[in-house]
Amino acid sequence: MLWEYSTEETIIHIFCFFRGLDYYSNGSDSMQYTGDHVTVPPIKTSFPKCLWDALFKISEQRGAAFYISGGTVRDHLLGKKPADLDITVHSGAVTCCRQLISVLGSGAFVMLGTDSEEAARVVWQGNQIDFSSYRKGAQSIEEELHYRDFTVNSMAVPLHSLEQNIRTYIIDPLHGRKA
């Protein structure tokens, strides 16, 4: 399932759902909802701008889609600062980590993967950025999300939707936002 909302609508919609609040969109530029008023900052404010800029640059250089995924999306939608930045790529997670260290000019590389799952981490200025390649030969992000450990971790946001800052797409094939 693909949910399409403006960035503000996405945050309000998901946050209200998790908090059990009712809301509705009146079809205009504003949102109406009942319950406690809560402001959740955009996900980009959880990490330094230069990190986002580096990720956009690497994604563009590779000509590959990057997806913010798993616990990062879950924590953000719950109004928590994500502990790390989880990024899913079709392939080349280790290469992406090494490119990120190069573009940032520093960082520590940590291998996380196994023979069956390519994953690695960059530790940079107190931030952890985890890259993982699609699991079990998945050919799309929707298919890859089916292999996640928990339904609530089976959501992703395309990185390019954050760069464009127009519409945020939450890819949620297993209805993790309802979990």
Protein backbone atom coordinates (compact mmCIF):
# COMPACT_ATOMS: atom_id res chain seq x y z
CA MET A 1 0.00 0.00 0.00
CA LEU A 2 1.32 3.46 -0.86
CA TRP A 3 0.19 6.43 1.19
CA GLU A 4 0.60 9.85 -0.39
CA TYR A 5 0.42 12.94 1.77
CA SER A 6 2.29 16.19 2.10
CA THR A 7 5.14 15.98 4.62
CA GLU A 8 3.04 17.73 7.28
CA GLU A 9 -0.01 15.55 6.57
CA THR A 10 2.10 12.40 6.77
CA ILE A 11 3.50 13.30 10.14
CA ILE A 12 0.14 14.33 11.57
CA HIS A 13 -1.70 11.37 10.03
CA ILE A 14 0.66 8.71 11.32
CA PHE A 15 1.30 10.36 14.67
CA CYS A 16 -2.42 10.71 15.33
CA PHE A 17 -2.99 7.10 14.34
CA PHE A 18 -0.31 5.82 16.72
CA ARG A 19 -1.68 8.01 19.52
CA GLY A 20 -5.27 6.94 18.89
CA LEU A 21 -6.40 10.41 17.87
CA ASP A 22 -9.02 11.13 15.24
CA TYR A 23 -8.29 13.44 12.34
CA TYR A 24 -9.50 14.21 8.88
CA SER A 25 -8.27 16.15 5.91
CA ASN A 26 -10.70 18.76 4.71
CA GLY A 27 -9.20 18.64 1.23
CA SER A 28 -7.52 22.02 1.51
CA ASP A 29 -3.97 22.83 2.51
CA SER A 30 -4.79 22.44 6.19
CA MET A 31 -5.40 19.40 8.35
CA GLN A 32 -8.15 19.15 10.93
CA TYR A 33 -7.96 16.69 13.78
CA THR A 34 -9.27 16.17 17.28
CA GLY A 35 -7.27 15.33 20.35
CA ASP A 36 -4.00 16.66 21.71
CA HIS A 37 -2.04 18.98 19.46
CA VAL A 38 1.40 17.55 18.87
CA THR A 39 4.13 18.86 16.61
CA VAL A 40 6.55 16.35 15.14
CA PRO A 41 9.54 17.89 13.35
CA PRO A 42 10.38 16.78 9.80
CA ILE A 43 12.58 13.66 9.69
CA LYS A 44 15.39 15.68 8.11
CA THR A 45 15.82 17.61 11.37
CA SER A 46 16.83 14.41 13.19
CA PHE A 47 20.22 14.33 11.45
CA PRO A 48 22.70 16.99 10.20
CA LYS A 49 21.96 18.66 6.86
CA CYS A 50 25.41 17.78 5.51
CA LEU A 51 24.59 14.09 6.07
CA TRP A 52 21.39 14.40 4.02
CA ASP A 53 23.28 16.30 1.32
CA ALA A 54 25.88 13.50 1.18
CA LEU A 55 23.15 10.83 0.89
CA PHE A 56 21.38 12.74 -1.91
CA LYS A 57 24.71 13.09 -3.74
CA ILE A 58 25.58 9.38 -3.45
CA SER A 59 22.11 8.28 -4.53
CA GLU A 60 22.37 10.55 -7.57
CA GLN A 61 25.92 9.38 -8.41
CA ARG A 62 24.85 5.76 -8.22
CA GLY A 63 21.63 6.35 -10.12
CA ALA A 64 19.96 4.24 -7.46
CA ALA A 65 17.02 4.71 -5.14
CA PHE A 66 17.75 4.96 -1.42
CA TYR A 67 14.96 4.30 1.09
CA ILE A 68 14.79 5.47 4.69
CA SER A 69 13.39 2.36 6.34
CA GLY A 70 12.64 0.24 9.35
CA GLY A 71 13.14 1.62 12.82
CA THR A 72 14.01 5.09 11.56
CA VAL A 73 10.56 5.50 10.01
CA ARG A 74 8.82 3.82 12.97
CA ASP A 75 10.57 5.96 15.60
CA HIS A 76 10.04 9.15 13.66
CA LEU A 77 6.34 8.50 13.22
CA LEU A 78 6.06 7.85 16.95
CA GLY A 79 7.61 11.25 17.60
CA LYS A 80 10.92 9.84 18.84
CA LYS A 81 14.36 10.83 17.60
CA PRO A 82 15.55 7.80 15.64
CA ALA A 83 18.57 6.11 17.23
CA ASP A 84 20.09 5.56 13.80
CA LEU A 85 19.41 6.19 10.15
CA ASP A 86 18.43 2.97 8.36
CA ILE A 87 18.84 3.05 4.59
CA THR A 88 17.87 0.25 2.25
CA VAL A 89 19.35 -0.04 -1.24
CA HIS A 90 18.81 -2.60 -3.99
CA SER A 91 22.45 -3.70 -3.77
CA GLY A 92 25.86 -2.41 -2.79
CA ALA A 93 25.30 -1.53 0.88
CA VAL A 94 29.01 -1.86 1.70
CA THR A 95 30.00 0.32 -1.26
CA CYS A 96 27.44 2.94 -0.21
CA CYS A 97 29.00 3.07 3.28
CA ARG A 98 32.46 3.56 1.86
CA GLN A 99 31.17 6.29 -0.49
CA LEU A 100 29.46 8.04 2.42
CA ILE A 101 32.70 8.09 4.42
CA SER A 102 34.49 9.51 1.39
CA VAL A 103 31.92 12.25 0.75
CA LEU A 104 31.74 13.20 4.45
CA GLY A 105 35.53 13.17 4.73
CA SER A 106 35.50 10.97 7.84
CA GLY A 107 33.67 8.19 9.61
CA ALA A 108 34.21 4.66 10.83
CA PHE A 109 33.14 1.63 8.81
CA VAL A 110 31.53 -1.32 10.63
CA MET A 111 30.60 -4.52 8.80
CA LEU A 112 27.19 -5.79 9.96
CA GLY A 113 26.13 -8.26 7.29
CA THR A 114 26.39 -11.97 6.82
CA ASP A 115 26.92 -14.14 3.78
CA SER A 116 23.19 -13.95 3.07
CA GLU A 117 22.57 -10.28 3.95
CA GLU A 118 24.77 -7.36 2.93
CA ALA A 119 24.72 -4.68 5.62
CA ALA A 120 27.21 -2.18 7.01
CA ARG A 121 27.33 0.88 9.24
CA VAL A 122 29.00 4.27 9.16
CA VAL A 123 29.61 5.93 12.52
CA TRP A 124 30.09 9.64 11.94
CA GLN A 125 30.00 12.48 14.48
CA GLY A 126 27.87 10.46 16.89
CA ASN A 127 25.45 9.33 14.17
CA GLN A 128 24.96 5.75 13.03
CA ILE A 129 23.98 5.26 9.41
CA ASP A 130 23.10 1.66 8.56
CA PHE A 131 22.91 0.52 4.95
CA SER A 132 21.38 -2.80 3.98
CA SER A 133 20.82 -4.35 0.58
CA TYR A 134 17.51 -5.94 -0.34
CA ARG A 135 17.06 -9.24 1.47
CA LYS A 136 16.62 -12.67 -0.08
CA GLY A 137 16.94 -11.53 -3.68
CA ALA A 138 14.02 -9.09 -3.51
CA GLN A 139 13.60 -7.05 -6.68
CA SER A 140 11.60 -4.13 -5.26
CA ILE A 141 11.39 -2.24 -1.99
CA GLU A 142 7.85 -3.54 -1.49
CA GLU A 143 9.06 -7.12 -1.81
CA GLU A 144 12.04 -6.44 0.47
CA LEU A 145 9.81 -5.02 3.20
CA HIS A 146 8.00 -8.37 3.37
CA TYR A 147 11.20 -9.90 4.76
CA ARG A 148 11.41 -7.59 7.78
CA ASP A 149 11.34 -8.93 11.32
CA PHE A 150 8.31 -6.93 12.47
CA THR A 151 5.39 -5.46 10.55
CA VAL A 152 5.91 -2.06 12.18
CA ASN A 153 9.45 -2.05 10.72
CA SER A 154 8.11 -2.78 7.23
CA MET A 155 7.75 0.82 6.13
CA ALA A 156 10.02 2.92 3.94
CA VAL A 157 10.23 6.48 2.64
CA PRO A 158 12.04 7.18 -0.65
CA LEU A 159 15.00 9.45 0.01
CA HIS A 160 14.25 11.52 -3.11
CA SER A 161 10.85 12.51 -1.66
CA LEU A 162 12.67 14.21 1.23
CA GLU A 163 14.98 16.06 -1.15
CA GLN A 164 12.12 17.35 -3.27
CA ASN A 165 10.26 18.32 -0.08
CA ILE A 166 6.94 18.29 -1.93
CA ARG A 167 5.30 14.95 -1.15
CA THR A 168 6.44 12.26 1.23
CA TYR A 169 5.57 8.73 0.25
CA ILE A 170 5.33 6.07 2.93
CA ILE A 171 5.62 2.65 1.38
CA ASP A 172 3.70 0.38 3.72
CA PRO A 173 2.83 -2.94 2.03
CA LEU A 174 2.14 -4.78 5.33
CA HIS A 175 0.16 -1.97 6.98
CA GLY A 176 2.86 -1.42 9.62
CA ARG A 177 1.38 1.91 10.60
CA LYS A 178 -1.61 0.00 11.98
CA ALA A 179 0.53 -2.45 13.97
